[in-house]
Protein backbone atom coordinates (compact mmCIF):
# COMPACT_ATOMS: atom_id res chain seq x y z
CA MET A 1 101.72 46.10 230.94
CA ASP A 2 104.32 47.89 232.99
CA TYR A 3 102.60 50.40 235.26
CA PHE A 4 105.93 51.74 236.53
CA LEU A 5 105.28 50.71 240.12
CA THR A 6 107.86 51.62 242.73
CA GLU A 7 109.95 48.94 244.38
CA GLU A 8 107.77 49.19 247.49
CA GLN A 9 104.59 48.83 245.44
CA ILE A 10 106.02 45.75 243.76
CA MET A 11 106.83 44.33 247.20
CA ILE A 12 103.25 44.98 248.35
CA ARG A 13 101.90 43.33 245.19
CA ASP A 14 104.14 40.28 245.56
CA MET A 15 103.34 39.92 249.27
CA ALA A 16 99.59 40.17 248.65
CA ARG A 17 99.85 37.70 245.77
CA GLN A 18 101.76 35.22 247.91
CA ILE A 19 99.20 35.48 250.71
CA ALA A 20 96.40 35.07 248.16
CA GLU A 21 97.92 31.94 246.66
CA ASP A 22 99.25 30.33 249.84
CA LYS A 23 96.62 31.27 252.42
CA ILE A 24 93.40 32.15 250.59
CA MET A 25 93.08 29.94 247.51
CA PRO A 26 93.33 26.64 249.45
CA VAL A 27 90.41 27.60 251.73
CA ARG A 28 88.25 29.96 249.64
CA ALA A 29 85.69 27.30 248.70
CA GLU A 30 85.39 26.16 252.31
CA LEU A 31 85.02 29.73 253.61
CA ASP A 32 82.32 30.34 251.02
CA GLU A 33 80.47 27.12 251.83
CA LYS A 34 80.60 27.66 255.59
CA GLU A 35 80.02 31.44 255.33
CA GLU A 36 82.95 31.81 257.69
CA PHE A 37 84.77 35.06 258.47
CA PRO A 38 88.47 34.71 257.50
CA ARG A 39 89.86 35.52 260.94
CA GLU A 40 93.11 33.58 260.51
CA ILE A 41 93.78 35.22 257.14
CA MET A 42 93.09 38.68 258.57
CA ASN A 43 95.51 37.92 261.40
CA PHE A 44 98.15 36.86 258.87
CA LEU A 45 97.56 40.04 256.86
CA ALA A 46 98.08 41.99 260.08
CA GLN A 47 101.33 40.19 260.82
CA SER A 48 102.48 41.02 257.29
CA ASP A 49 101.80 44.78 257.86
CA MET A 50 99.11 44.72 255.17
CA LEU A 51 96.43 46.29 257.37
CA GLY A 52 98.37 49.51 257.81
CA ILE A 53 99.37 50.20 254.20
CA TYR A 54 97.38 53.44 253.92
CA ILE A 55 97.77 54.66 257.52
CA PRO A 56 100.41 57.37 258.13
CA GLU A 57 103.72 56.26 259.60
CA GLU A 58 103.29 58.43 262.71
CA TYR A 59 100.35 56.22 263.67
CA GLY A 60 102.04 52.90 263.02
CA GLY A 61 101.20 52.43 259.36
CA LEU A 62 103.32 52.25 256.22
CA GLY A 63 102.27 55.71 255.07
CA LYS A 64 101.38 54.65 251.54
CA GLY A 65 98.55 55.80 249.33
CA SER A 66 95.43 54.75 247.49
CA LEU A 67 97.36 53.08 244.68
CA ASP A 68 99.32 50.90 247.11
CA LEU A 69 96.09 49.82 248.80
CA CYS A 70 94.43 49.15 245.43
CA ILE A 71 97.35 46.93 244.41
CA ALA A 72 96.90 44.83 247.56
CA ILE A 73 93.11 44.69 247.19
CA GLU A 74 93.41 43.57 243.56
CA GLU A 75 95.67 40.66 244.42
CA LEU A 76 93.49 39.48 247.32
CA SER A 77 90.37 39.79 245.16
CA ARG A 78 91.95 37.63 242.49
CA ALA A 79 91.76 34.79 245.02
CA CYS A 80 88.56 35.58 246.94
CA LEU A 81 86.31 38.63 246.94
CA GLY A 82 84.83 37.64 250.30
CA VAL A 83 88.23 37.90 251.95
CA SER A 84 89.18 41.09 250.11
CA THR A 85 85.86 42.69 251.12
CA SER A 86 86.64 42.01 254.78
CA TYR A 87 90.05 43.57 254.18
CA ALA A 88 88.88 46.60 252.17
CA ALA A 89 85.97 47.35 254.53
CA ASN A 90 88.54 47.78 257.28
CA ALA A 91 89.98 50.73 255.34
CA LEU A 92 86.49 52.07 254.58
CA GLY A 93 85.72 52.23 258.30
CA THR A 94 89.09 53.78 259.10
CA TYR A 95 89.00 56.63 256.57
CA PRO A 96 86.59 58.84 258.58
CA ILE A 97 89.02 58.79 261.52
CA MET A 98 92.10 59.18 259.33
CA LEU A 99 90.68 61.97 257.18
CA PHE A 100 88.59 63.92 259.70
CA GLY A 101 89.46 62.68 263.20
CA SER A 102 91.12 64.83 265.85
CA GLU A 103 94.76 64.27 266.69
CA GLU A 104 93.66 62.61 269.92
CA GLN A 105 91.34 60.24 268.05
CA LYS A 106 94.03 59.35 265.55
CA LYS A 107 96.55 58.58 268.29
CA ARG A 108 94.01 56.52 270.18
CA TYR A 109 92.65 54.39 267.34
CA LEU A 110 94.94 54.31 264.32
CA PRO A 111 97.93 52.43 265.81
CA ASP A 112 95.75 49.47 266.86
CA ILE A 113 94.04 49.49 263.47
CA ALA A 114 97.39 49.56 261.65
CA SER A 115 98.67 46.64 263.69
CA GLY A 116 95.51 44.61 263.16
CA LYS A 117 94.67 44.51 266.85
CA ASN A 118 91.36 46.22 266.05
CA LEU A 119 89.23 45.71 262.96
CA VAL A 120 86.89 48.43 261.74
CA ALA A 121 83.47 48.76 260.08
CA PHE A 122 81.60 51.67 258.50
CA GLY A 123 77.94 52.18 259.41
CA LEU A 124 75.95 54.28 256.95
CA THR A 125 73.32 52.06 255.28
CA GLU A 126 69.86 51.60 256.77
CA ALA A 127 66.59 50.02 255.63
CA ASN A 128 65.53 53.35 254.08
CA ALA A 129 68.97 54.78 253.40
CA GLY A 130 70.99 53.00 250.75
CA SER A 131 71.44 54.90 247.51
CA ASP A 132 69.64 57.75 249.28
CA ALA A 133 72.29 58.18 251.97
CA GLY A 134 70.49 61.30 253.16
CA GLY A 135 67.57 59.15 254.31
CA ILE A 136 69.19 57.88 257.49
CA GLN A 137 67.02 57.70 260.62
CA THR A 138 69.53 56.72 263.31
CA THR A 139 69.79 59.58 265.81
CA ALA A 140 72.44 60.86 268.20
CA VAL A 141 71.23 63.22 270.92
CA LEU A 142 73.64 65.08 273.18
CA ASP A 143 72.84 64.46 276.85
CA GLY A 144 75.37 66.18 279.09
CA THR A 145 78.78 64.73 278.32
CA GLU A 146 77.44 61.87 276.20
CA TYR A 147 75.68 61.27 272.91
CA VAL A 148 72.78 58.80 273.00
CA LEU A 149 72.43 56.76 269.80
CA ASN A 150 69.21 55.07 268.70
CA GLY A 151 68.54 53.26 265.44
CA THR A 152 69.55 50.34 263.26
CA LYS A 153 72.19 50.03 260.55
CA GLN A 154 71.68 47.39 257.87
CA TRP A 155 74.01 45.24 255.74
CA ILE A 156 77.18 46.36 257.50
CA THR A 157 80.36 44.62 256.32
CA ASN A 158 82.53 43.32 259.18
CA GLY A 159 79.55 43.79 261.49
CA GLU A 160 80.04 41.94 264.79
CA GLU A 161 83.60 41.00 263.77
CA ALA A 162 84.93 44.57 264.00
CA ASP A 163 86.08 46.25 267.20
CA ILE A 164 85.62 49.88 266.08
CA TYR A 165 82.65 51.32 264.17
CA THR A 166 82.37 54.69 262.45
CA ILE A 167 78.67 55.53 262.46
CA ILE A 168 76.68 58.21 260.65
CA ALA A 169 73.70 59.45 262.70
CA LEU A 170 71.41 62.48 262.78
CA THR A 171 72.12 65.11 265.42
CA ASP A 172 69.52 67.47 263.94
CA LYS A 173 66.60 65.80 262.16
CA ALA A 174 65.22 69.11 260.94
CA LYS A 175 68.26 69.68 258.75
CA GLY A 176 68.07 66.30 256.99
CA ALA A 177 71.42 65.24 255.50
CA ARG A 178 73.01 68.46 256.78
CA GLY A 179 72.06 67.39 260.29
CA ALA A 180 74.10 64.18 260.12
CA SER A 181 77.24 63.64 262.18
CA ALA A 182 79.89 60.93 262.40
CA PHE A 183 80.80 59.00 265.55
CA ILE A 184 83.22 56.37 266.79
CA VAL A 185 81.52 53.51 268.65
CA GLU A 186 83.47 50.68 270.25
CA LYS A 187 82.26 47.10 270.36
CA GLY A 188 81.02 46.21 273.83
CA THR A 189 79.51 49.63 274.50
CA LYS A 190 76.28 49.26 276.48
CA GLY A 191 73.25 49.62 274.23
CA PHE A 192 75.17 48.53 271.12
CA SER A 193 74.30 45.06 269.85
CA PHE A 194 74.11 43.07 266.63
CA GLY A 195 71.14 41.74 264.71
CA LYS A 196 70.91 38.90 262.23
CA LYS A 197 73.85 37.79 260.16
CA GLU A 198 72.80 37.98 256.51
CA LYS A 199 72.92 34.99 254.17
CA LYS A 200 74.18 36.26 250.84
CA MET A 201 74.44 35.16 247.22
CA GLY A 202 78.16 35.91 247.17
CA ILE A 203 81.07 37.22 249.27
CA ARG A 204 80.01 34.69 251.88
CA ALA A 205 83.35 34.80 253.70
CA SER A 206 82.55 38.41 254.51
CA THR A 207 80.28 38.93 257.52
CA THR A 208 77.30 41.22 256.97
CA CYS A 209 74.89 42.04 259.77
CA GLU A 210 72.71 44.63 261.48
CA LEU A 211 73.99 47.09 264.05
CA ILE A 212 71.45 47.99 266.72
CA PHE A 213 71.68 51.07 268.92
CA ASP A 214 69.29 51.17 271.87
CA ASN A 215 70.05 54.16 274.07
CA CYS A 216 73.72 53.56 273.36
CA ARG A 217 75.78 56.15 275.23
CA ILE A 218 79.18 57.25 273.97
CA PRO A 219 81.43 60.09 275.17
CA LYS A 220 80.85 63.34 273.30
CA GLU A 221 84.57 63.24 272.45
CA ASN A 222 83.73 60.37 270.08
CA ILE A 223 82.18 62.69 267.53
CA ILE A 224 84.36 62.99 264.43
CA ASP A 225 85.04 66.61 263.49
CA ARG A 226 81.83 68.41 264.52
CA GLU A 227 78.05 68.20 264.36
CA GLY A 228 76.60 68.48 260.87
CA LYS A 229 79.74 67.21 259.15
CA GLY A 230 78.61 63.58 258.90
CA PHE A 231 77.27 63.59 255.36
CA ILE A 232 80.42 65.25 254.00
CA ILE A 233 82.57 62.77 255.94
CA ALA A 234 80.58 59.85 254.50
CA MET A 235 80.78 61.13 250.91
CA LYS A 236 84.51 61.95 251.10
CA THR A 237 85.15 58.54 252.63
CA LEU A 238 83.31 56.80 249.80
CA ASP A 239 85.07 58.93 247.18
CA LYS A 240 88.40 57.75 248.52
CA ALA A 241 87.31 54.12 248.86
CA ARG A 242 85.65 53.58 245.49
CA ALA A 243 88.91 53.12 243.62
CA GLY A 244 89.39 50.12 245.90
CA VAL A 245 86.06 48.68 244.73
CA GLY A 246 87.32 49.14 241.18
CA ALA A 247 90.47 47.25 242.18
CA GLN A 248 88.28 44.45 243.51
CA GLY A 249 86.60 44.28 240.11
CA VAL A 250 89.95 44.05 238.34
CA GLY A 251 91.16 41.33 240.72
CA VAL A 252 88.08 39.11 240.44
CA ALA A 253 88.05 39.52 236.65
CA GLN A 254 91.74 38.61 236.47
CA GLY A 255 91.18 35.49 238.55
CA ALA A 256 88.22 34.39 236.42
CA PHE A 257 90.13 35.07 233.20
CA GLU A 258 93.08 32.96 234.36
CA GLU A 259 90.78 30.06 235.23
CA ALA A 260 89.00 30.25 231.86
CA LEU A 261 92.28 30.51 229.92
CA SER A 262 93.75 27.49 231.69
CA PHE A 263 90.58 25.47 231.17
CA ALA A 264 90.39 26.38 227.48
CA LYS A 265 93.88 24.97 226.94
CA GLN A 266 93.02 21.68 228.62
CA ARG A 267 89.44 21.06 227.45
CA TYR A 268 89.19 19.05 224.21
CA GLN A 269 86.19 18.94 221.89
CA PHE A 270 86.03 17.64 218.32
CA GLY A 271 89.62 16.48 218.69
CA HIS A 272 91.04 19.93 219.53
CA SER A 273 91.55 22.06 222.63
CA ILE A 274 88.74 24.60 222.72
CA ILE A 275 91.24 27.47 222.76
CA SER A 276 91.90 26.64 219.10
CA PHE A 277 88.32 27.70 218.27
CA GLN A 278 88.05 31.31 217.11
CA ALA A 279 84.82 31.89 219.07
CA VAL A 280 86.63 31.04 222.30
CA GLN A 281 89.73 32.99 221.31
CA HIS A 282 87.66 36.12 220.73
CA MET A 283 85.96 35.79 224.12
CA LEU A 284 89.32 35.45 225.84
CA ALA A 285 90.78 38.35 223.85
CA ASP A 286 87.86 40.59 224.81
CA MET A 287 88.27 39.59 228.45
CA ALA A 288 91.97 40.51 228.35
CA ILE A 289 91.20 43.86 226.70
CA GLN A 290 88.56 44.75 229.27
CA ILE A 291 90.71 43.78 232.27
CA GLU A 292 93.71 45.79 231.10
CA ALA A 293 91.55 48.82 230.37
CA ALA A 294 89.94 48.59 233.81
CA ARG A 295 93.29 48.18 235.57
CA SER A 296 94.73 51.19 233.73
CA LEU A 297 91.78 53.31 234.75
CA VAL A 298 91.76 52.22 238.39
CA TYR A 299 95.50 52.81 238.78
CA SER A 300 95.21 56.21 237.09
CA VAL A 301 92.38 57.30 239.39
CA ALA A 302 94.22 55.99 242.46
CA ARG A 303 97.23 58.10 241.47
CA PHE A 304 94.92 61.09 241.01
CA ILE A 305 93.56 60.55 244.54
CA ASP A 306 97.12 60.32 245.87
CA SER A 307 97.96 63.62 244.18
CA GLY A 308 95.87 65.37 246.82
CA ALA A 309 93.13 66.51 244.45
CA LYS A 310 90.27 67.99 246.44
CA ASP A 311 87.39 66.66 244.36
CA VAL A 312 87.69 63.10 243.09
CA SER A 313 83.98 62.19 243.07
CA LYS A 314 83.62 61.91 239.31
CA GLU A 315 86.89 60.06 238.78
CA SER A 316 86.34 57.56 241.59
CA ALA A 317 82.80 56.93 240.34
CA ILE A 318 84.12 56.31 236.81
CA ALA A 319 86.73 53.84 238.07
CA LYS A 320 84.24 51.98 240.25
CA THR A 321 81.56 51.77 237.58
CA PHE A 322 83.75 50.77 234.65
CA ALA A 323 85.83 48.18 236.50
CA THR A 324 82.89 46.50 238.24
CA ASP A 325 80.78 46.36 235.07
CA ILE A 326 83.78 44.79 233.35
CA CYS A 327 84.10 42.31 236.20
CA MET A 328 80.51 41.17 235.75
CA ASN A 329 81.09 40.77 232.01
CA VAL A 330 84.34 38.85 232.41
CA THR A 331 83.11 36.46 235.11
CA THR A 332 79.99 35.71 233.06
CA ASP A 333 82.13 35.01 230.00
CA ALA A 334 84.51 32.87 232.06
CA VAL A 335 81.61 30.63 233.06
CA GLN A 336 80.51 30.52 229.40
CA VAL A 337 83.98 29.53 228.17
CA MET A 338 84.05 26.71 230.70
CA GLY A 339 80.50 25.61 229.89
CA GLY A 340 78.96 23.10 232.26
CA ALA A 341 82.17 22.88 234.28
CA GLY A 342 82.06 26.63 234.92
CA TYR A 343 78.61 26.26 236.43
CA MET A 344 79.79 23.71 238.98
CA ARG A 345 81.04 24.57 242.46
CA GLU A 346 84.06 22.37 241.82
CA TYR A 347 85.45 25.25 239.74
CA PRO A 348 86.04 28.72 241.25
CA VAL A 349 84.45 30.76 238.44
CA GLU A 350 80.98 29.83 239.70
CA LYS A 351 81.81 31.60 242.96
CA MET A 352 83.52 34.48 241.16
CA MET A 353 80.42 35.18 239.11
CA ARG A 354 78.25 35.17 242.24
CA ASP A 355 80.72 37.41 244.04
CA ALA A 356 81.06 39.87 241.15
CA LYS A 357 77.46 41.06 241.31
CA ILE A 358 77.85 42.85 244.64
CA LEU A 359 80.51 45.12 243.17
CA GLN A 360 77.86 46.79 241.02
CA ILE A 361 75.77 47.38 244.16
CA TYR A 362 77.76 48.24 247.28
CA GLU A 363 79.41 51.59 248.00
CA GLY A 364 76.86 53.15 245.66
CA THR A 365 75.11 51.28 242.87
CA ASN A 366 76.53 51.79 239.40
CA GLN A 367 73.32 53.60 238.44
CA ILE A 368 73.94 56.11 241.24
CA GLN A 369 77.57 56.40 240.12
CA ARG A 370 76.37 57.37 236.67
CA ASN A 371 74.25 60.08 238.29
CA VAL A 372 77.35 61.35 240.12
CA ILE A 373 79.34 61.38 236.89
CA ALA A 374 76.57 63.14 234.95
CA GLN A 375 76.09 65.81 237.62
CA ALA A 376 79.83 66.49 237.59
CA LEU A 377 79.77 66.84 233.82
CA ILE A 378 76.90 69.34 234.07
CA ARG A 379 78.78 71.41 236.67
CA GLU A 380 81.91 71.41 234.53
CA THR A 381 79.92 72.56 231.49
CA VAL A 382 78.38 75.43 233.49
CA LYS A 383 81.82 76.54 234.73
CA LYS A 384 83.17 76.68 231.16
CA LYS A 385 80.35 78.98 230.14
């Protein structure tokens, strides 16, 4: 379908697709096997100005929007979700600074993020704070001109590889989620270290590890916005980022579909290519229908976000949930179409199916997204009355 992309969006798509095919596809199996962070690919993305797509021009970025970023994420995900997760998590960690940071913070951090000199990570999740983001225990206590951070963040994408971390911590435990604040912490700060690197089912090229704060002192100027704003910052950040997770789902599904379609043309059984069998044709047709529907929805929501709408929670949750559920369906069917071959590591759909599962989990499980959608529907019904 023609989504009426601008010339610049087409250029971003073509650039991302070229990088995916030339730089990522040849090494994706090796990166997955070795569980190796794609540093060289990230450097190449930086050189190609892909890391600053969404950052305003005055801070060294391209000044584009959510749709432009989703287009790039989709193309990278088509090749490898592990690489695209490393890429997308950089934006996730940057949004708190870009959306809520002071002018001084933006000038200090955004240019080096846009250029790729510094990578970023977002620190919200803890052992007892996943879907229940209000359950965080990490604290930040003001001591003179510094905040002292104590606690542990769990399952943080780009952990240890990133240079800048946006961290959600409690400045007032008594207030619960309303006592949370957001901070910028730089790698190398005394009292800030890293725990174990996780071994994962999928997205193995993406580094995931613990962040440990042990009397970590940061300047009080490193608070983003003001005390008590952390939960709102986290939720608004996730609202803006979830369309990107939907784009990841579309990209992985597209890649799996293409592999299954190609295989079905070449695989012969009973004297015919299996694509001539109606059962296989229907599976491929359903895959194509689902992918196009998911892409249409993700692009539409990304455009809605770019319109400047104040509340995009429901729409971003819908895009994330639908596209990632579709991705799980399509990758599973791709393995089925390819049969025994699809189950082997020699073929990329095995990895794609493993990778796809995380999309239904991170940045808010799809069950939590359905709660968000339902609560929005209830509020809208009350307003109409």
